[in-house]
PDB file of N, CA and C in Angstrom:
ATOM      1  N   MET A   1      -6.396-128.977  89.637  1.00  0.00           N
ATOM      2  CA  MET A   1      -5.390-128.200  88.926  1.00  0.00           C
ATOM      3  C   MET A   1      -5.881-126.773  88.680  1.00  0.00           C
ATOM      4  N   TYR A   2      -7.129-126.655  88.179  1.00  0.00           N
ATOM      5  CA  TYR A   2      -7.681-125.323  87.906  1.00  0.00           C
ATOM      6  C   TYR A   2      -7.770-124.498  89.182  1.00  0.00           C
ATOM      7  N   GLN A   3      -8.253-125.103  90.248  1.00  0.00           N
ATOM      8  CA  GLN A   3      -8.437-124.366  91.508  1.00  0.00           C
ATOM      9  C   GLN A   3      -7.110-123.822  92.031  1.00  0.00           C
ATOM     10  N   GLU A   4      -6.033-124.539  91.802  1.00  0.00           N
ATOM     11  CA  GLU A   4      -4.711-124.103  92.255  1.00  0.00           C
ATOM     12  C   GLU A   4      -4.235-122.881  91.469  1.00  0.00           C
ATOM     13  N   ARG A   5      -4.676-122.742  90.248  1.00  0.00           N
ATOM     14  CA  ARG A   5      -4.229-121.651  89.382  1.00  0.00           C
ATOM     15  C   ARG A   5      -5.249-120.534  89.265  1.00  0.00           C
ATOM     16  N   LYS A   6      -6.404-120.685  89.890  1.00  0.00           N
ATOM     17  CA  LYS A   6      -7.515-119.759  89.703  1.00  0.00           C
ATOM     18  C   LYS A   6      -7.149-118.315  90.068  1.00  0.00           C
ATOM     19  N   ALA A   7      -6.421-118.094  91.140  1.00  0.00           N
ATOM     20  CA  ALA A   7      -6.054-116.725  91.529  1.00  0.00           C
ATOM     21  C   ALA A   7      -5.216-116.048  90.444  1.00  0.00           C
ATOM     22  N   LEU A   8      -4.252-116.769  89.883  1.00  0.00           N
ATOM     23  CA  LEU A   8      -3.421-116.212  88.816  1.00  0.00           C
ATOM     24  C   LEU A   8      -4.259-115.951  87.566  1.00  0.00           C
ATOM     25  N   LEU A   9      -5.124-116.892  87.232  1.00  0.00           N
ATOM     26  CA  LEU A   9      -5.972-116.718  86.053  1.00  0.00           C
ATOM     27  C   LEU A   9      -6.915-115.533  86.222  1.00  0.00           C
ATOM     28  N   ASN A  10      -7.456-115.345  87.410  1.00  0.00           N
ATOM     29  CA  ASN A  10      -8.317-114.186  87.675  1.00  0.00           C
ATOM     30  C   ASN A  10      -7.537-112.887  87.567  1.00  0.00           C
ATOM     31  N   ALA A  11      -6.289-112.873  88.037  1.00  0.00           N
ATOM     32  CA  ALA A  11      -5.453-111.675  87.934  1.00  0.00           C
ATOM     33  C   ALA A  11      -5.180-111.338  86.471  1.00  0.00           C
ATOM     34  N   ARG A  12      -4.914-112.357  85.670  1.00  0.00           N
ATOM     35  CA  ARG A  12      -4.704-112.130  84.228  1.00  0.00           C
ATOM     36  C   ARG A  12      -5.969-111.577  83.587  1.00  0.00           C
ATOM     37  N   ALA A  13      -7.106-112.162  83.949  1.00  0.00           N
ATOM     38  CA  ALA A  13      -8.385-111.718  83.388  1.00  0.00           C
ATOM     39  C   ALA A  13      -8.642-110.255  83.727  1.00  0.00           C
ATOM     40  N   LYS A  14      -8.259-109.824  84.918  1.00  0.00           N
ATOM     41  CA  LYS A  14      -8.456-108.423  85.316  1.00  0.00           C
ATOM     42  C   LYS A  14      -7.674-107.482  84.392  1.00  0.00           C
ATOM     43  N   VAL A  15      -6.446-107.848  84.084  1.00  0.00           N
ATOM     44  CA  VAL A  15      -5.628-107.026  83.189  1.00  0.00           C
ATOM     45  C   VAL A  15      -6.235-107.008  81.790  1.00  0.00           C
ATOM     46  N   LEU A  16      -6.635-108.176  81.294  1.00  0.00           N
ATOM     47  CA  LEU A  16      -7.222-108.249  79.958  1.00  0.00           C
ATOM     48  C   LEU A  16      -8.544-107.490  79.877  1.00  0.00           C
ATOM     49  N   LYS A  17      -9.355-107.574  80.913  1.00  0.00           N
ATOM     50  CA  LYS A  17     -10.624-106.824  80.935  1.00  0.00           C
ATOM     51  C   LYS A  17     -10.368-105.327  80.900  1.00  0.00           C
ATOM     52  N   ALA A  18      -9.343-104.885  81.598  1.00  0.00           N
ATOM     53  CA  ALA A  18      -9.021-103.454  81.613  1.00  0.00           C
ATOM     54  C   ALA A  18      -8.623-102.968  80.223  1.00  0.00           C
ATOM     55  N   MET A  19      -8.009-103.831  79.443  1.00  0.00           N
ATOM     56  CA  MET A  19      -7.576-103.440  78.097  1.00  0.00           C
ATOM     57  C   MET A  19      -8.684-103.617  77.063  1.00  0.00           C
ATOM     58  N   ALA A  20      -9.794-104.206  77.434  1.00  0.00           N
ATOM     59  CA  ALA A  20     -10.836-104.580  76.479  1.00  0.00           C
ATOM     60  C   ALA A  20     -11.752-103.424  76.100  1.00  0.00           C
ATOM     61  N   HIS A  21     -11.148-102.326  75.699  1.00  0.00           N
ATOM     62  CA  HIS A  21     -11.907-101.163  75.221  1.00  0.00           C
ATOM     63  C   HIS A  21     -11.002-100.384  74.276  1.00  0.00           C
ATOM     64  N   SER A  22     -11.529 -99.985  73.140  1.00  0.00           N
ATOM     65  CA  SER A  22     -10.701 -99.315  72.128  1.00  0.00           C
ATOM     66  C   SER A  22     -10.057 -98.034  72.653  1.00  0.00           C
ATOM     67  N   THR A  23     -10.753 -97.277  73.489  1.00  0.00           N
ATOM     68  CA  THR A  23     -10.173 -96.044  74.030  1.00  0.00           C
ATOM     69  C   THR A  23      -8.992 -96.367  74.940  1.00  0.00           C
ATOM     70  N   ARG A  24      -9.129 -97.410  75.750  1.00  0.00           N
ATOM     71  CA  ARG A  24      -8.026 -97.770  76.641  1.00  0.00           C
ATOM     72  C   ARG A  24      -6.841 -98.317  75.860  1.00  0.00           C
ATOM     73  N   LEU A  25      -7.109 -99.028  74.774  1.00  0.00           N
ATOM     74  CA  LEU A  25      -6.012 -99.492  73.920  1.00  0.00           C
ATOM     75  C   LEU A  25      -5.289 -98.301  73.292  1.00  0.00           C
ATOM     76  N   PHE A  26      -6.051 -97.295  72.878  1.00  0.00           N
ATOM     77  CA  PHE A  26      -5.442 -96.077  72.330  1.00  0.00           C
ATOM     78  C   PHE A  26      -4.561 -95.401  73.382  1.00  0.00           C
ATOM     79  N   ILE A  27      -5.065 -95.310  74.597  1.00  0.00           N
ATOM     80  CA  ILE A  27      -4.296 -94.687  75.685  1.00  0.00           C
ATOM     81  C   ILE A  27      -2.985 -95.433  75.899  1.00  0.00           C
ATOM     82  N   ILE A  28      -3.044 -96.760  75.913  1.00  0.00           N
ATOM     83  CA  ILE A  28      -1.828 -97.552  76.090  1.00  0.00           C
ATOM     84  C   ILE A  28      -0.839 -97.267  74.963  1.00  0.00           C
ATOM     85  N   GLU A  29      -1.338 -97.244  73.726  1.00  0.00           N
ATOM     86  CA  GLU A  29      -0.456 -96.943  72.592  1.00  0.00           C
ATOM     87  C   GLU A  29       0.182 -95.567  72.719  1.00  0.00           C
ATOM     88  N   GLU A  30      -0.569 -94.601  73.184  1.00  0.00           N
ATOM     89  CA  GLU A  30      -0.024 -93.250  73.357  1.00  0.00           C
ATOM     90  C   GLU A  30       1.012 -93.205  74.480  1.00  0.00           C
ATOM     91  N   LEU A  31       0.755 -93.925  75.551  1.00  0.00           N
ATOM     92  CA  LEU A  31       1.675 -93.905  76.687  1.00  0.00           C
ATOM     93  C   LEU A  31       2.977 -94.642  76.407  1.00  0.00           C
ATOM     94  N   VAL A  32       2.986 -95.500  75.379  1.00  0.00           N
ATOM     95  CA  VAL A  32       4.245 -96.125  74.973  1.00  0.00           C
ATOM     96  C   VAL A  32       5.223 -95.044  74.517  1.00  0.00           C
ATOM     97  N   LYS A  33       4.704 -93.986  73.938  1.00  0.00           N
ATOM     98  CA  LYS A  33       5.521 -92.882  73.436  1.00  0.00           C
ATOM     99  C   LYS A  33       6.057 -92.002  74.558  1.00  0.00           C
ATOM    100  N   GLY A  34       5.490 -92.112  75.756  1.00  0.00           N
ATOM    101  CA  GLY A  34       5.922 -91.304  76.895  1.00  0.00           C
ATOM    102  C   GLY A  34       4.726 -90.874  77.719  1.00  0.00           C
ATOM    103  N   GLU A  35       5.021 -90.313  78.864  1.00  0.00           N
ATOM    104  CA  GLU A  35       3.921 -89.922  79.754  1.00  0.00           C
ATOM    105  C   GLU A  35       3.078 -88.816  79.139  1.00  0.00           C
ATOM    106  N   ARG A  36       1.820 -88.796  79.530  1.00  0.00           N
ATOM    107  CA  ARG A  36       0.874 -87.803  79.028  1.00  0.00           C
ATOM    108  C   ARG A  36       0.028 -87.301  80.187  1.00  0.00           C
ATOM    109  N   CYS A  37      -0.373 -86.043  80.085  1.00  0.00           N
ATOM    110  CA  CYS A  37      -1.328 -85.526  81.067  1.00  0.00           C
ATOM    111  C   CYS A  37      -2.738 -85.833  80.556  1.00  0.00           C
ATOM    112  N   VAL A  38      -3.678 -85.806  81.464  1.00  0.00           N
ATOM    113  CA  VAL A  38      -5.066 -86.092  81.106  1.00  0.00           C
ATOM    114  C   VAL A  38      -5.526 -85.134  80.014  1.00  0.00           C
ATOM    115  N   CYS A  39      -5.107 -83.881  80.095  1.00  0.00           N
ATOM    116  CA  CYS A  39      -5.549 -82.894  79.104  1.00  0.00           C
ATOM    117  C   CYS A  39      -5.090 -83.264  77.698  1.00  0.00           C
ATOM    118  N   ASP A  40      -3.864 -83.779  77.554  1.00  0.00           N
ATOM    119  CA  ASP A  40      -3.379 -84.206  76.239  1.00  0.00           C
ATOM    120  C   ASP A  40      -4.215 -85.360  75.706  1.00  0.00           C
ATOM    121  N   LEU A  41      -4.467 -86.342  76.561  1.00  0.00           N
ATOM    122  CA  LEU A  41      -5.248 -87.505  76.138  1.00  0.00           C
ATOM    123  C   LEU A  41      -6.679 -87.109  75.796  1.00  0.00           C
ATOM    124  N   THR A  42      -7.239 -86.184  76.560  1.00  0.00           N
ATOM    125  CA  THR A  42      -8.599 -85.716  76.306  1.00  0.00           C
ATOM    126  C   THR A  42      -8.694 -85.088  74.918  1.00  0.00           C
ATOM    127  N   ASP A  43      -7.707 -84.269  74.568  1.00  0.00           N
ATOM    128  CA  ASP A  43      -7.684 -83.643  73.244  1.00  0.00           C
ATOM    129  C   ASP A  43      -7.565 -84.691  72.136  1.00  0.00           C
ATOM    130  N   GLN A  44      -6.697 -85.682  72.339  1.00  0.00           N
ATOM    131  CA  GLN A  44      -6.475 -86.699  71.316  1.00  0.00           C
ATOM    132  C   GLN A  44      -7.694 -87.598  71.128  1.00  0.00           C
ATOM    133  N   ILE A  45      -8.338 -87.934  72.220  1.00  0.00           N
ATOM    134  CA  ILE A  45      -9.474 -88.853  72.167  1.00  0.00           C
ATOM    135  C   ILE A  45     -10.748 -88.140  71.737  1.00  0.00           C
ATOM    136  N   GLY A  46     -10.850 -86.873  72.090  1.00  0.00           N
ATOM    137  CA  GLY A  46     -12.049 -86.117  71.754  1.00  0.00           C
ATOM    138  C   GLY A  46     -13.202 -86.410  72.702  1.00  0.00           C
ATOM    139  N   ALA A  47     -12.864 -86.687  73.941  1.00  0.00           N
ATOM    140  CA  ALA A  47     -13.875 -86.949  74.966  1.00  0.00           C
ATOM    141  C   ALA A  47     -13.656 -85.980  76.116  1.00  0.00           C
ATOM    142  N   ASP A  48     -14.630 -85.915  77.029  1.00  0.00           N
ATOM    143  CA  ASP A  48     -14.462 -85.005  78.158  1.00  0.00           C
ATOM    144  C   ASP A  48     -13.506 -85.595  79.190  1.00  0.00           C
ATOM    145  N   VAL A  49     -13.029 -84.738  80.064  1.00  0.00           N
ATOM    146  CA  VAL A  49     -12.026 -85.115  81.063  1.00  0.00           C
ATOM    147  C   VAL A  49     -12.519 -86.257  81.950  1.00  0.00           C
ATOM    148  N   SER A  50     -13.781 -86.218  82.349  1.00  0.00           N
ATOM    149  CA  SER A  50     -14.283 -87.256  83.248  1.00  0.00           C
ATOM    150  C   SER A  50     -14.278 -88.634  82.581  1.00  0.00           C
ATOM    151  N   THR A  51     -14.593 -88.681  81.301  1.00  0.00           N
ATOM    152  CA  THR A  51     -14.590 -89.962  80.581  1.00  0.00           C
ATOM    153  C   THR A  51     -13.174 -90.516  80.467  1.00  0.00           C
ATOM    154  N   VAL A  52     -12.240 -89.672  80.088  1.00  0.00           N
ATOM    155  CA  VAL A  52     -10.848 -90.110  79.950  1.00  0.00           C
ATOM    156  C   VAL A  52     -10.291 -90.506  81.316  1.00  0.00           C
ATOM    157  N   SER A  53     -10.622 -89.744  82.340  1.00  0.00           N
ATOM    158  CA  SER A  53     -10.166 -90.072  83.692  1.00  0.00           C
ATOM    159  C   SER A  53     -10.700 -91.421  84.151  1.00  0.00           C
ATOM    160  N   LYS A  54     -11.926 -91.728  83.784  1.00  0.00           N
ATOM    161  CA  LYS A  54     -12.513 -93.027  84.133  1.00  0.00           C
ATOM    162  C   LYS A  54     -11.747 -94.160  83.456  1.00  0.00           C
ATOM    163  N   HIS A  55     -11.421 -93.994  82.176  1.00  0.00           N
ATOM    164  CA  HIS A  55     -10.626 -95.002  81.464  1.00  0.00           C
ATOM    165  C   HIS A  55      -9.257 -95.167  82.127  1.00  0.00           C
ATOM    166  N   LEU A  56      -8.629 -94.057  82.480  1.00  0.00           N
ATOM    167  CA  LEU A  56      -7.322 -94.118  83.130  1.00  0.00           C
ATOM    168  C   LEU A  56      -7.411 -94.790  84.495  1.00  0.00           C
ATOM    169  N   SER A  57      -8.503 -94.565  85.190  1.00  0.00           N
ATOM    170  CA  SER A  57      -8.711 -95.202  86.489  1.00  0.00           C
ATOM    171  C   SER A  57      -8.787 -96.726  86.354  1.00  0.00           C
ATOM    172  N   VAL A  58      -9.482 -97.195  85.327  1.00  0.00           N
ATOM    173  CA  VAL A  58      -9.574 -98.641  85.077  1.00  0.00           C
ATOM    174  C   VAL A  58      -8.182 -99.209  84.810  1.00  0.00           C
ATOM    175  N   LEU A  59      -7.407 -98.515  83.993  1.00  0.00           N
ATOM    176  CA  LEU A  59      -6.048 -98.967  83.681  1.00  0.00           C
ATOM    177  C   LEU A  59      -5.147 -98.926  84.921  1.00  0.00           C
ATOM    178  N   ARG A  60      -5.324 -97.918  85.748  1.00  0.00           N
ATOM    179  CA  ARG A  60      -4.528 -97.800  86.979  1.00  0.00           C
ATOM    180  C   ARG A  60      -4.874 -98.916  87.952  1.00  0.00           C
ATOM    181  N   GLN A  61      -6.150 -99.185  88.126  1.00  0.00           N
ATOM    182  CA  GLN A  61      -6.582-100.234  89.049  1.00  0.00           C
ATOM    183  C   GLN A  61      -6.095-101.618  88.617  1.00  0.00           C
ATOM    184  N   ALA A  62      -5.909-101.799  87.326  1.00  0.00           N
ATOM    185  CA  ALA A  62      -5.409-103.075  86.809  1.00  0.00           C
ATOM    186  C   ALA A  62      -3.881-103.152  86.858  1.00  0.00           C
ATOM    187  N   GLY A  63      -3.229-102.051  87.237  1.00  0.00           N
ATOM    188  CA  GLY A  63      -1.776-102.038  87.332  1.00  0.00           C
ATOM    189  C   GLY A  63      -1.065-101.771  86.026  1.00  0.00           C
ATOM    190  N   ILE A  64      -1.791-101.285  85.043  1.00  0.00           N
ATOM    191  CA  ILE A  64      -1.205-101.044  83.724  1.00  0.00           C
ATOM    192  C   ILE A  64      -0.524 -99.680  83.664  1.00  0.00           C
ATOM    193  N   VAL A  65      -1.126 -98.678  84.289  1.00  0.00           N
ATOM    194  CA  VAL A  65      -0.548 -97.332  84.312  1.00  0.00           C
ATOM    195  C   VAL A  65      -0.359 -96.876  85.755  1.00  0.00           C
ATOM    196  N   CYS A  66       0.482 -95.884  85.909  1.00  0.00           N
ATOM    197  CA  CYS A  66       0.616 -95.213  87.200  1.00  0.00           C
ATOM    198  C   CYS A  66       0.537 -93.721  86.937  1.00  0.00           C
ATOM    199  N   ASP A  67       0.253 -92.964  87.980  1.00  0.00           N
ATOM    200  CA  ASP A  67       0.049 -91.526  87.798  1.00  0.00           C
ATOM    201  C   ASP A  67       0.958 -90.726  88.718  1.00  0.00           C
ATOM    202  N   ASP A  68       1.128 -89.462  88.341  1.00  0.00           N
ATOM    203  CA  ASP A  68       1.955 -88.531  89.100  1.00  0.00           C
ATOM    204  C   ASP A  68       1.271 -87.168  89.045  1.00  0.00           C
ATOM    205  N   LYS A  69       0.798 -86.711  90.183  1.00  0.00           N
ATOM    206  CA  LYS A  69       0.114 -85.415  90.223  1.00  0.00           C
ATOM    207  C   LYS A  69       1.150 -84.307  90.355  1.00  0.00           C
ATOM    208  N   ARG A  70       1.044 -83.329  89.471  1.00  0.00           N
ATOM    209  CA  ARG A  70       1.939 -82.169  89.474  1.00  0.00           C
ATOM    210  C   ARG A  70       1.086 -80.926  89.386  1.00  0.00           C
ATOM    211  N   GLY A  71       0.919 -80.279  90.504  1.00  0.00           N
ATOM    212  CA  GLY A  71       0.048 -79.110  90.552  1.00  0.00           C
ATOM    213  C   GLY A  71      -1.385 -79.525  90.301  1.00  0.00           C
ATOM    214  N   ASN A  72      -2.008 -78.896  89.310  1.00  0.00           N
ATOM    215  CA  ASN A  72      -3.393 -79.225  88.961  1.00  0.00           C
ATOM    216  C   ASN A  72      -3.509 -80.334  87.925  1.00  0.00           C
ATOM    217  N   GLN A  73      -2.387 -80.791  87.411  1.00  0.00           N
ATOM    218  CA  GLN A  73      -2.426 -81.796  86.348  1.00  0.00           C
ATOM    219  C   GLN A  73      -1.958 -83.151  86.862  1.00  0.00           C
ATOM    220  N   VAL A  74      -2.507 -84.190  86.252  1.00  0.00           N
ATOM    221  CA  VAL A  74      -2.086 -85.552  86.555  1.00  0.00           C
ATOM    222  C   VAL A  74      -1.478 -86.139  85.291  1.00  0.00           C
ATOM    223  N   PHE A  75      -0.282 -86.677  85.433  1.00  0.00           N
ATOM    224  CA  PHE A  75       0.424 -87.285  84.319  1.00  0.00           C
ATOM    225  C   PHE A  75       0.413 -88.796  84.496  1.00  0.00           C
ATOM    226  N   TYR A  76       0.224 -89.500  83.388  1.00  0.00           N
ATOM    227  CA  TYR A  76       0.166 -90.957  83.407  1.00  0.00           C
ATOM    228  C   TYR A  76       1.290 -91.536  82.561  1.00  0.00           C
ATOM    229  N   ARG A  77       1.764 -92.698  82.986  1.00  0.00           N
ATOM    230  CA  ARG A  77       2.763 -93.441  82.215  1.00  0.00           C
ATOM    231  C   ARG A  77       2.496 -94.922  82.396  1.00  0.00           C
ATOM    232  N   LEU A  78       3.024 -95.722  81.490  1.00  0.00           N
ATOM    233  CA  LEU A  78       2.871 -97.161  81.604  1.00  0.00           C
ATOM    234  C   LEU A  78       3.710 -97.665  82.765  1.00  0.00           C
ATOM    235  N   ARG A  79       3.144 -98.513  83.567  1.00  0.00           N
ATOM    236  CA  ARG A  79       3.880 -99.118  84.675  1.00  0.00           C
ATOM    237  C   ARG A  79       4.877-100.139  84.122  1.00  0.00           C
ATOM    238  N   VAL A  80       4.441-100.907  83.120  1.00  0.00           N
ATOM    239  CA  VAL A  80       5.295-101.895  82.471  1.00  0.00           C
ATOM    240  C   VAL A  80       5.146-101.753  80.949  1.00  0.00           C
ATOM    241  N   PRO A  81       6.076-101.021  80.324  1.00  0.00           N
ATOM    242  CA  PRO A  81       5.963-100.751  78.887  1.00  0.00           C
ATOM    243  C   PRO A  81       5.900-102.003  78.014  1.00  0.00           C
ATOM    244  N   CYS A  82       6.345-103.145  78.524  1.00  0.00           N
ATOM    245  CA  CYS A  82       6.332-104.368  77.707  1.00  0.00           C
ATOM    246  C   CYS A  82       4.915-104.816  77.369  1.00  0.00           C
ATOM    247  N   ILE A  83       3.907-104.196  77.965  1.00  0.00           N
ATOM    248  CA  ILE A  83       2.516-104.570  77.647  1.00  0.00           C
ATOM    249  C   ILE A  83       2.230-104.393  76.165  1.00  0.00           C
ATOM    250  N   ILE A  84       2.954-103.504  75.524  1.00  0.00           N
ATOM    251  CA  ILE A  84       2.740-103.263  74.096  1.00  0.00           C
ATOM    252  C   ILE A  84       3.111-104.508  73.288  1.00  0.00           C
ATOM    253  N   ASN A  85       3.987-105.360  73.817  1.00  0.00           N
ATOM    254  CA  ASN A  85       4.359-106.595  73.117  1.00  0.00           C
ATOM    255  C   ASN A  85       3.153-107.513  72.924  1.00  0.00           C
ATOM    256  N   PHE A  86       2.207-107.429  73.815  1.00  0.00           N
ATOM    257  CA  PHE A  86       0.995-108.225  73.714  1.00  0.00           C
ATOM    258  C   PHE A  86       0.237-107.881  72.432  1.00  0.00           C
ATOM    259  N   PHE A  87       0.288-106.625  72.029  1.00  0.00           N
ATOM    260  CA  PHE A  87      -0.419-106.191  70.828  1.00  0.00           C
ATOM    261  C   PHE A  87       0.086-106.913  69.590  1.00  0.00           C
ATOM    262  N   GLY A  88       1.375-107.219  69.540  1.00  0.00           N
ATOM    263  CA  GLY A  88       1.938-107.958  68.413  1.00  0.00           C
ATOM    264  C   GLY A  88       1.310-109.332  68.279  1.00  0.00           C
ATOM    265  N   CYS A  89       1.078-109.968  69.407  1.00  0.00           N
ATOM    266  CA  CYS A  89       0.430-111.272  69.404  1.00  0.00           C
ATOM    267  C   CYS A  89      -1.016-111.141  68.920  1.00  0.00           C
ATOM    268  N   VAL A  90      -1.710-110.119  69.371  1.00  0.00           N
ATOM    269  CA  VAL A  90      -3.092-109.888  68.939  1.00  0.00           C
ATOM    270  C   VAL A  90      -3.126-109.662  67.429  1.00  0.00           C
ATOM    271  N   GLU A  91      -2.178-108.890  66.914  1.00  0.00           N
ATOM    272  CA  GLU A  91      -2.118-108.643  65.467  1.00  0.00           C
ATOM    273  C   GLU A  91      -1.894-109.943  64.704  1.00  0.00           C
ATOM    274  N   SER A  92      -1.106-110.857  65.256  1.00  0.00           N
ATOM    275  CA  SER A  92      -0.893-112.154  64.614  1.00  0.00           C
ATOM    276  C   SER A  92      -2.186-112.947  64.539  1.00  0.00           C
ATOM    277  N   VAL A  93      -2.978-112.896  65.585  1.00  0.00           N
ATOM    278  CA  VAL A  93      -4.282-113.565  65.572  1.00  0.00           C
ATOM    279  C   VAL A  93      -5.167-112.965  64.488  1.00  0.00           C
ATOM    280  N   LEU A  94      -5.193-111.633  64.400  1.00  0.00           N
ATOM    281  CA  LEU A  94      -6.016-110.966  63.385  1.00  0.00           C
ATOM    282  C   LEU A  94      -5.574-111.324  61.971  1.00  0.00           C
ATOM    283  N   GLU A  95      -4.260-111.380  61.753  1.00  0.00           N
ATOM    284  CA  GLU A  95      -3.743-111.761  60.436  1.00  0.00           C
ATOM    285  C   GLU A  95      -4.132-113.196  60.092  1.00  0.00           C
ATOM    286  N   SER A  96      -4.053-114.078  61.077  1.00  0.00           N
ATOM    287  CA  SER A  96      -4.431-115.475  60.863  1.00  0.00           C
ATOM    288  C   SER A  96      -5.905-115.592  60.502  1.00  0.00           C
ATOM    289  N   GLN A  97      -6.732-114.833  61.197  1.00  0.00           N
ATOM    290  CA  GLN A  97      -8.165-114.831  60.891  1.00  0.00           C
ATOM    291  C   GLN A  97      -8.421-114.318  59.480  1.00  0.00           C
ATOM    292  N   ALA A  98      -7.719-113.273  59.098  1.00  0.00           N
ATOM    293  CA  ALA A  98      -7.894-112.706  57.760  1.00  0.00           C
ATOM    294  C   ALA A  98      -7.480-113.713  56.692  1.00  0.00           C
ATOM    295  N   GLN A  99      -6.395-114.437  56.921  1.00  0.00           N
ATOM    296  CA  GLN A  99      -5.949-115.448  55.966  1.00  0.00           C
ATOM    297  C   GLN A  99      -6.984-116.575  55.846  1.00  0.00           C
ATOM    298  N   ASP A 100      -7.516-117.000  56.986  1.00  0.00           N
ATOM    299  CA  ASP A 100      -8.542-118.053  56.963  1.00  0.00           C
ATOM    300  C   ASP A 100      -9.778-117.583  56.208  1.00  0.00           C
ATOM    301  N   HIS A 101     -10.158-116.330  56.448  1.00  0.00           N
ATOM    302  CA  HIS A 101     -11.327-115.767  55.779  1.00  0.00           C
ATOM    303  C   HIS A 101     -11.094-115.689  54.268  1.00  0.00           C
ATOM    304  N   ALA A 102      -9.908-115.242  53.880  1.00  0.00           N
ATOM    305  CA  ALA A 102      -9.580-115.136  52.461  1.00  0.00           C
ATOM    306  C   ALA A 102      -9.574-116.515  51.803  1.00  0.00           C
ATOM    307  N   ALA A 103      -9.067-117.518  52.509  1.00  0.00           N
ATOM    308  CA  ALA A 103      -9.055-118.875  51.961  1.00  0.00           C
ATOM    309  C   ALA A 103     -10.459-119.404  51.794  1.00  0.00           C
ATOM    310  N   THR A 104     -11.323-119.106  52.747  1.00  0.00           N
ATOM    311  CA  THR A 104     -12.716-119.538  52.668  1.00  0.00           C
ATOM    312  C   THR A 104     -13.400-118.881  51.469  1.00  0.00           C
ATOM    313  N   LEU A 105     -13.196-117.588  51.294  1.00  0.00           N
ATOM    314  CA  LEU A 105     -13.788-116.882  50.151  1.00  0.00           C
ATOM    315  C   LEU A 105     -13.272-117.409  48.828  1.00  0.00           C
ATOM    316  N   SER A 106     -11.998-117.735  48.795  1.00  0.00           N
ATOM    317  CA  SER A 106     -11.386-118.267  47.581  1.00  0.00           C
ATOM    318  C   SER A 106     -11.996-119.636  47.249  1.00  0.00           C
ATOM    319  N   ALA A 107     -12.209-120.455  48.259  1.00  0.00           N
ATOM    320  CA  ALA A 107     -12.799-121.781  48.042  1.00  0.00           C
ATOM    321  C   ALA A 107     -14.240-121.691  47.568  1.00  0.00           C
ATOM    322  N   VAL A 108     -14.962-120.725  48.080  1.00  0.00           N
ATOM    323  CA  VAL A 108     -16.362-120.522  47.700  1.00  0.00           C
ATOM    324  C   VAL A 108     -16.435-120.055  46.244  1.00  0.00           C
ATOM    325  N   GLY A 109     -15.476-119.251  45.824  1.00  0.00           N
ATOM    326  CA  GLY A 109     -15.482-118.698  44.477  1.00  0.00           C
ATOM    327  C   GLY A 109     -15.116-119.695  43.393  1.00  0.00           C
ATOM    328  N   LYS A 110     -14.618-120.865  43.769  1.00  0.00           N
ATOM    329  CA  LYS A 110     -14.196-121.854  42.769  1.00  0.00           C
ATOM    330  C   LYS A 110     -15.327-122.710  42.306  1.00  0.00           C
TER     331      LYS A 110
END
């Protein structure tokens, strides 16, 4: 059963690995608002162009973003904006963890 699904699972893992960095998550959140040029993202992140470009390359290779070169600038946008919906699920996990932690602390304090 696993071997039959391994290609799909590996493809999912590639997308998740690409998102597994706080800077790339920030980029995704910014691109939900609309396309951005590398220069805009560089200013917002506070990193050099090569670093931001490397992050964008990882996201592009995973199929999360696509780019459009216009003159000397490259603009990026989300290929599938629904990726932001995944963040809601992640937030639910974090809230659940926080509730469990609070319950544990409450039990210890009694």
